[in-house]
Amino acid sequence: MSGKLKHYVFVASAGAYKADSVEPCHFEGDARKSSAGHVEVETYLKELGLPYTVFQPLYIYGPNSAKDCEQWFMDRIARDRPVPIPSPGVQLTSLTHVEDVASMLAAVPGNYNARYEHYNVCSDRAITFT
């Protein structure tokens, strides 16, 4: 496969990072879980010597996103039901619209400077769960 593939773009998730209750918002280069499947794929790509770029989105929202958890939360809010959140709720996180994620992904293939890089995909605004 080496030599035929010009650029592999892998979409992992921020779930590959080791949990940190003090500073839960992760940055590229932070400690990662060796048990995470994402990390195994990245290791495999390195072993093969393939040119790759890794994206690690946080919470993605919008039409046709991979998860439908938004509907679950909105349903609970609309029915005036409690919305469980991870304790203590003050952790910083980020929401990013699917169109923003798609435009970032589309800019990578053929971009020589993006090879062998990891990018956390998030908005420029941090929010808490509460």
N, C-alpha and C. Protein backbone atom coordinates (compact mmCIF):
# COMPACT_ATOMS: atom_id res chain seq x y z
N MET A 1 0.83 -1.19 0.00
CA MET A 1 0.00 0.00 0.00
C MET A 1 0.87 1.25 0.00
N SER A 2 2.05 1.16 0.59
CA SER A 2 2.94 2.30 0.63
C SER A 2 3.30 2.72 -0.79
N GLY A 3 3.27 4.00 -1.04
CA GLY A 3 3.55 4.52 -2.37
C GLY A 3 2.29 4.77 -3.18
N LYS A 4 1.22 4.04 -2.92
CA LYS A 4 -0.04 4.23 -3.64
C LYS A 4 -0.93 5.26 -2.94
N LEU A 5 -0.86 5.27 -1.63
CA LEU A 5 -1.70 6.17 -0.85
C LEU A 5 -0.96 7.48 -0.65
N LYS A 6 -1.59 8.57 -1.04
CA LYS A 6 -0.92 9.87 -0.93
C LYS A 6 -1.18 10.55 0.39
N HIS A 7 -2.36 10.31 0.97
CA HIS A 7 -2.67 11.00 2.23
C HIS A 7 -3.89 10.34 2.86
N TYR A 8 -3.71 9.77 4.04
CA TYR A 8 -4.80 9.13 4.77
C TYR A 8 -5.28 10.10 5.84
N VAL A 9 -6.57 10.41 5.83
CA VAL A 9 -7.15 11.30 6.83
C VAL A 9 -8.00 10.44 7.77
N PHE A 10 -7.60 10.39 9.03
CA PHE A 10 -8.27 9.55 10.03
C PHE A 10 -9.03 10.43 11.01
N VAL A 11 -10.33 10.17 11.15
CA VAL A 11 -11.15 10.90 12.11
C VAL A 11 -11.32 10.02 13.33
N ALA A 12 -10.64 10.40 14.40
CA ALA A 12 -10.72 9.69 15.67
C ALA A 12 -11.67 10.47 16.57
N SER A 13 -11.35 10.60 17.82
CA SER A 13 -12.13 11.47 18.71
C SER A 13 -11.26 11.88 19.88
N ALA A 14 -11.73 12.87 20.59
CA ALA A 14 -11.00 13.33 21.77
C ALA A 14 -11.07 12.28 22.87
N GLY A 15 -11.88 11.24 22.70
CA GLY A 15 -11.95 10.14 23.65
C GLY A 15 -10.66 9.34 23.74
N ALA A 16 -9.72 9.60 22.85
CA ALA A 16 -8.44 8.90 22.89
C ALA A 16 -7.52 9.47 23.97
N TYR A 17 -7.87 10.63 24.51
CA TYR A 17 -7.06 11.22 25.58
C TYR A 17 -7.34 10.56 26.92
N LYS A 18 -6.31 10.53 27.78
CA LYS A 18 -6.51 10.06 29.15
C LYS A 18 -7.36 11.09 29.88
N ALA A 19 -8.27 10.61 30.73
CA ALA A 19 -9.15 11.50 31.48
C ALA A 19 -8.33 12.37 32.43
N ASP A 20 -8.76 13.60 32.56
CA ASP A 20 -8.11 14.54 33.47
C ASP A 20 -9.20 15.41 34.08
N SER A 21 -9.50 15.17 35.36
CA SER A 21 -10.60 15.89 36.00
C SER A 21 -10.24 17.32 36.35
N VAL A 22 -8.94 17.65 36.36
CA VAL A 22 -8.53 19.01 36.69
C VAL A 22 -8.56 19.89 35.45
N GLU A 23 -8.03 19.40 34.36
CA GLU A 23 -7.95 20.16 33.11
C GLU A 23 -8.53 19.29 31.99
N PRO A 24 -9.86 19.18 31.93
CA PRO A 24 -10.47 18.23 30.99
C PRO A 24 -10.43 18.64 29.53
N CYS A 25 -10.17 19.89 29.22
CA CYS A 25 -10.09 20.31 27.83
C CYS A 25 -8.70 19.94 27.31
N HIS A 26 -8.62 19.07 26.34
CA HIS A 26 -7.33 18.53 25.91
C HIS A 26 -6.70 19.35 24.78
N PHE A 27 -5.39 19.22 24.71
CA PHE A 27 -4.62 19.88 23.67
C PHE A 27 -3.79 18.83 22.94
N GLU A 28 -3.46 19.12 21.68
CA GLU A 28 -2.62 18.21 20.93
C GLU A 28 -1.35 17.94 21.73
N GLY A 29 -0.96 16.68 21.83
CA GLY A 29 0.24 16.32 22.57
C GLY A 29 -0.04 15.87 24.00
N ASP A 30 -1.27 16.04 24.50
CA ASP A 30 -1.61 15.56 25.85
C ASP A 30 -1.54 14.03 25.89
N ALA A 31 -1.47 13.50 27.11
CA ALA A 31 -1.40 12.05 27.29
C ALA A 31 -2.61 11.36 26.69
N ARG A 32 -2.37 10.20 26.05
CA ARG A 32 -3.44 9.46 25.38
C ARG A 32 -3.55 8.07 25.96
N LYS A 33 -4.74 7.46 25.84
CA LYS A 33 -4.97 6.11 26.35
C LYS A 33 -4.39 5.09 25.38
N SER A 34 -3.48 4.27 25.85
CA SER A 34 -2.92 3.25 24.97
C SER A 34 -3.97 2.21 24.60
N SER A 35 -5.03 2.10 25.41
CA SER A 35 -6.08 1.13 25.14
C SER A 35 -7.11 1.63 24.13
N ALA A 36 -7.06 2.89 23.77
CA ALA A 36 -8.04 3.45 22.83
C ALA A 36 -7.79 2.91 21.42
N GLY A 37 -8.84 2.47 20.76
CA GLY A 37 -8.72 1.97 19.40
C GLY A 37 -8.14 3.00 18.45
N HIS A 38 -8.43 4.27 18.70
CA HIS A 38 -7.90 5.34 17.86
C HIS A 38 -6.38 5.33 17.85
N VAL A 39 -5.80 5.15 19.04
CA VAL A 39 -4.35 5.16 19.18
C VAL A 39 -3.74 3.96 18.46
N GLU A 40 -4.41 2.82 18.51
CA GLU A 40 -3.93 1.63 17.79
C GLU A 40 -3.89 1.89 16.28
N VAL A 41 -4.91 2.54 15.75
CA VAL A 41 -4.94 2.85 14.32
C VAL A 41 -3.78 3.78 13.96
N GLU A 42 -3.57 4.81 14.78
CA GLU A 42 -2.48 5.75 14.53
C GLU A 42 -1.12 5.04 14.55
N THR A 43 -0.94 4.14 15.51
CA THR A 43 0.31 3.37 15.60
C THR A 43 0.49 2.53 14.34
N TYR A 44 -0.59 1.91 13.88
CA TYR A 44 -0.54 1.09 12.67
C TYR A 44 -0.15 1.93 11.45
N LEU A 45 -0.73 3.12 11.32
CA LEU A 45 -0.40 4.00 10.19
C LEU A 45 1.08 4.38 10.23
N LYS A 46 1.59 4.66 11.42
CA LYS A 46 3.02 4.99 11.56
C LYS A 46 3.89 3.81 11.15
N GLU A 47 3.52 2.61 11.61
CA GLU A 47 4.30 1.41 11.29
C GLU A 47 4.34 1.16 9.79
N LEU A 48 3.24 1.44 9.11
CA LEU A 48 3.20 1.25 7.66
C LEU A 48 3.95 2.34 6.91
N GLY A 49 4.24 3.43 7.60
CA GLY A 49 4.94 4.54 6.95
C GLY A 49 4.05 5.34 6.03
N LEU A 50 2.75 5.32 6.29
CA LEU A 50 1.80 6.05 5.43
C LEU A 50 1.69 7.51 5.85
N PRO A 51 1.55 8.41 4.88
CA PRO A 51 1.30 9.81 5.23
C PRO A 51 -0.14 9.94 5.75
N TYR A 52 -0.28 10.50 6.93
CA TYR A 52 -1.61 10.57 7.55
C TYR A 52 -1.79 11.90 8.28
N THR A 53 -3.05 12.21 8.55
CA THR A 53 -3.43 13.32 9.42
C THR A 53 -4.56 12.79 10.30
N VAL A 54 -4.51 13.14 11.58
CA VAL A 54 -5.52 12.69 12.53
C VAL A 54 -6.34 13.88 13.01
N PHE A 55 -7.66 13.74 12.94
CA PHE A 55 -8.57 14.73 13.50
C PHE A 55 -9.25 14.13 14.72
N GLN A 56 -9.36 14.92 15.78
CA GLN A 56 -10.01 14.48 17.01
C GLN A 56 -11.08 15.48 17.37
N PRO A 57 -12.28 15.31 16.82
CA PRO A 57 -13.37 16.23 17.15
C PRO A 57 -13.85 16.05 18.58
N LEU A 58 -14.35 17.12 19.17
CA LEU A 58 -14.99 17.02 20.47
C LEU A 58 -16.47 16.75 20.21
N TYR A 59 -17.34 17.61 20.62
CA TYR A 59 -18.78 17.37 20.40
C TYR A 59 -19.21 18.02 19.09
N ILE A 60 -19.70 17.20 18.17
CA ILE A 60 -20.16 17.67 16.87
C ILE A 60 -21.68 17.69 16.89
N TYR A 61 -22.26 18.77 16.39
CA TYR A 61 -23.72 18.84 16.31
C TYR A 61 -24.13 19.28 14.91
N GLY A 62 -25.38 18.97 14.56
CA GLY A 62 -25.92 19.37 13.27
C GLY A 62 -26.46 18.18 12.50
N PRO A 63 -27.04 18.46 11.34
CA PRO A 63 -27.67 17.40 10.55
C PRO A 63 -26.66 16.35 10.10
N ASN A 64 -27.10 15.11 10.14
CA ASN A 64 -26.31 13.96 9.67
C ASN A 64 -25.03 13.74 10.47
N SER A 65 -24.97 14.23 11.69
CA SER A 65 -23.79 13.96 12.51
C SER A 65 -23.82 12.49 12.92
N ALA A 66 -22.69 11.98 13.34
CA ALA A 66 -22.57 10.55 13.61
C ALA A 66 -23.36 10.10 14.84
N LYS A 67 -23.63 11.00 15.75
CA LYS A 67 -24.37 10.63 16.96
C LYS A 67 -25.67 11.42 17.03
N ASP A 68 -26.66 10.82 17.64
CA ASP A 68 -27.96 11.50 17.74
C ASP A 68 -28.27 11.91 19.18
N CYS A 69 -27.23 12.14 19.98
CA CYS A 69 -27.46 12.46 21.40
C CYS A 69 -28.17 13.80 21.58
N GLU A 70 -28.03 14.71 20.61
CA GLU A 70 -28.71 16.01 20.74
C GLU A 70 -30.21 15.81 20.91
N GLN A 71 -30.78 14.90 20.14
CA GLN A 71 -32.22 14.66 20.21
C GLN A 71 -32.60 14.19 21.61
N TRP A 72 -31.79 13.34 22.20
CA TRP A 72 -32.06 12.84 23.54
C TRP A 72 -32.08 13.99 24.55
N PHE A 73 -31.07 14.88 24.47
CA PHE A 73 -31.01 16.02 25.38
C PHE A 73 -32.19 16.97 25.15
N MET A 74 -32.47 17.29 23.90
CA MET A 74 -33.57 18.22 23.59
C MET A 74 -34.91 17.65 24.04
N ASP A 75 -35.09 16.35 23.88
CA ASP A 75 -36.33 15.72 24.32
C ASP A 75 -36.49 15.88 25.83
N ARG A 76 -35.43 15.68 26.58
CA ARG A 76 -35.51 15.82 28.05
C ARG A 76 -35.81 17.27 28.43
N ILE A 77 -35.17 18.20 27.75
CA ILE A 77 -35.41 19.62 28.05
C ILE A 77 -36.85 19.99 27.72
N ALA A 78 -37.34 19.57 26.55
CA ALA A 78 -38.71 19.89 26.12
C ALA A 78 -39.75 19.31 27.06
N ARG A 79 -39.46 18.15 27.66
CA ARG A 79 -40.42 17.52 28.57
C ARG A 79 -40.16 17.90 30.03
N ASP A 80 -39.30 18.91 30.24
CA ASP A 80 -38.96 19.40 31.58
C ASP A 80 -38.44 18.28 32.48
N ARG A 81 -37.61 17.42 31.88
CA ARG A 81 -36.99 16.31 32.61
C ARG A 81 -35.56 16.71 32.99
N PRO A 82 -35.02 16.13 34.04
CA PRO A 82 -33.62 16.45 34.40
C PRO A 82 -32.67 15.99 33.29
N VAL A 83 -31.62 16.75 33.10
CA VAL A 83 -30.60 16.41 32.12
C VAL A 83 -29.33 16.04 32.88
N PRO A 84 -28.99 14.74 32.91
CA PRO A 84 -27.78 14.34 33.64
C PRO A 84 -26.52 14.89 32.97
N ILE A 85 -25.62 15.38 33.79
CA ILE A 85 -24.34 15.88 33.28
C ILE A 85 -23.22 15.27 34.11
N PRO A 86 -22.03 15.15 33.52
CA PRO A 86 -20.89 14.62 34.28
C PRO A 86 -20.56 15.55 35.44
N SER A 87 -20.33 14.98 36.59
CA SER A 87 -20.01 15.79 37.77
C SER A 87 -18.58 16.31 37.65
N PRO A 88 -18.28 17.50 38.04
CA PRO A 88 -19.10 18.49 38.71
C PRO A 88 -19.83 19.42 37.74
N GLY A 89 -19.61 19.30 36.44
CA GLY A 89 -20.31 20.11 35.46
C GLY A 89 -19.58 21.37 35.04
N VAL A 90 -18.45 21.66 35.66
CA VAL A 90 -17.72 22.88 35.33
C VAL A 90 -16.60 22.64 34.31
N GLN A 91 -16.48 21.38 33.84
CA GLN A 91 -15.45 21.05 32.86
C GLN A 91 -15.68 21.84 31.57
N LEU A 92 -14.60 22.28 30.98
CA LEU A 92 -14.71 23.00 29.71
C LEU A 92 -14.82 22.01 28.55
N THR A 93 -15.68 22.33 27.62
CA THR A 93 -15.82 21.52 26.41
C THR A 93 -16.14 22.45 25.25
N SER A 94 -16.39 21.89 24.11
CA SER A 94 -16.62 22.69 22.91
C SER A 94 -17.64 21.99 22.02
N LEU A 95 -18.48 22.76 21.38
CA LEU A 95 -19.42 22.24 20.39
C LEU A 95 -19.02 22.78 19.03
N THR A 96 -19.01 21.92 18.04
CA THR A 96 -18.62 22.33 16.69
C THR A 96 -19.65 21.82 15.69
N HIS A 97 -20.09 22.68 14.81
CA HIS A 97 -21.10 22.32 13.81
C HIS A 97 -20.48 21.42 12.74
N VAL A 98 -21.29 20.48 12.23
CA VAL A 98 -20.80 19.51 11.24
C VAL A 98 -20.21 20.19 10.00
N GLU A 99 -20.75 21.32 9.58
CA GLU A 99 -20.22 21.99 8.40
C GLU A 99 -18.81 22.53 8.65
N ASP A 100 -18.54 22.97 9.87
CA ASP A 100 -17.19 23.44 10.19
C ASP A 100 -16.20 22.28 10.20
N VAL A 101 -16.63 21.15 10.76
CA VAL A 101 -15.78 19.96 10.77
C VAL A 101 -15.51 19.52 9.33
N ALA A 102 -16.55 19.48 8.51
CA ALA A 102 -16.39 19.05 7.11
C ALA A 102 -15.44 19.96 6.34
N SER A 103 -15.52 21.26 6.56
CA SER A 103 -14.63 22.17 5.82
C SER A 103 -13.18 21.99 6.27
N MET A 104 -12.97 21.70 7.57
CA MET A 104 -11.60 21.45 8.03
C MET A 104 -11.05 20.17 7.41
N LEU A 105 -11.88 19.12 7.38
CA LEU A 105 -11.45 17.85 6.80
C LEU A 105 -11.14 18.00 5.31
N ALA A 106 -11.96 18.76 4.61
CA ALA A 106 -11.78 18.93 3.16
C ALA A 106 -10.50 19.69 2.82
N ALA A 107 -10.01 20.48 3.76
CA ALA A 107 -8.80 21.27 3.50
C ALA A 107 -7.52 20.47 3.64
N VAL A 108 -7.60 19.23 4.11
CA VAL A 108 -6.40 18.46 4.43
C VAL A 108 -5.82 17.66 3.26
N PRO A 109 -6.60 16.86 2.53
CA PRO A 109 -5.98 16.04 1.48
C PRO A 109 -5.18 16.90 0.50
N GLY A 110 -3.95 16.50 0.28
CA GLY A 110 -3.07 17.23 -0.61
C GLY A 110 -2.30 18.35 0.07
N ASN A 111 -2.59 18.63 1.34
CA ASN A 111 -1.88 19.66 2.08
C ASN A 111 -0.66 19.02 2.74
N TYR A 112 0.49 19.23 2.16
CA TYR A 112 1.72 18.60 2.63
C TYR A 112 2.01 18.94 4.09
N ASN A 113 1.73 20.17 4.51
CA ASN A 113 2.01 20.61 5.88
C ASN A 113 1.13 19.94 6.92
N ALA A 114 0.04 19.33 6.51
CA ALA A 114 -0.87 18.67 7.47
C ALA A 114 -0.50 17.21 7.71
N ARG A 115 0.44 16.67 6.93
CA ARG A 115 0.82 15.27 7.10
C ARG A 115 1.51 15.06 8.43
N TYR A 116 1.19 13.92 9.07
CA TYR A 116 1.76 13.51 10.35
C TYR A 116 1.37 14.44 11.51
N GLU A 117 0.28 15.15 11.34
CA GLU A 117 -0.21 16.06 12.38
C GLU A 117 -1.48 15.53 13.02
N HIS A 118 -1.73 15.95 14.26
CA HIS A 118 -2.97 15.68 14.99
C HIS A 118 -3.66 17.01 15.21
N TYR A 119 -4.96 17.06 14.94
CA TYR A 119 -5.72 18.28 15.16
C TYR A 119 -6.95 17.98 16.01
N ASN A 120 -7.11 18.74 17.07
CA ASN A 120 -8.37 18.70 17.81
C ASN A 120 -9.33 19.61 17.07
N VAL A 121 -10.50 19.10 16.78
CA VAL A 121 -11.48 19.88 16.03
C VAL A 121 -12.50 20.41 17.03
N CYS A 122 -12.49 21.73 17.21
CA CYS A 122 -13.42 22.34 18.15
C CYS A 122 -13.63 23.80 17.76
N SER A 123 -14.62 24.39 18.38
CA SER A 123 -14.86 25.80 18.11
C SER A 123 -13.90 26.64 18.93
N ASP A 124 -13.95 27.93 18.72
CA ASP A 124 -13.07 28.82 19.48
C ASP A 124 -13.72 29.31 20.77
N ARG A 125 -14.84 28.69 21.13
CA ARG A 125 -15.56 29.08 22.34
C ARG A 125 -15.74 27.88 23.25
N ALA A 126 -15.21 27.97 24.46
CA ALA A 126 -15.37 26.89 25.42
C ALA A 126 -16.60 27.15 26.29
N ILE A 127 -17.30 26.07 26.62
CA ILE A 127 -18.47 26.16 27.49
C ILE A 127 -18.35 25.08 28.56
N THR A 128 -19.13 25.21 29.61
CA THR A 128 -19.18 24.16 30.62
C THR A 128 -20.43 23.33 30.40
N PHE A 129 -20.48 22.15 31.00
CA PHE A 129 -21.68 21.32 30.91
C PHE A 129 -22.87 21.98 31.58
N THR A 130 -22.60 22.73 32.66
CA THR A 130 -23.72 23.38 33.33
C THR A 130 -24.22 24.56 32.52
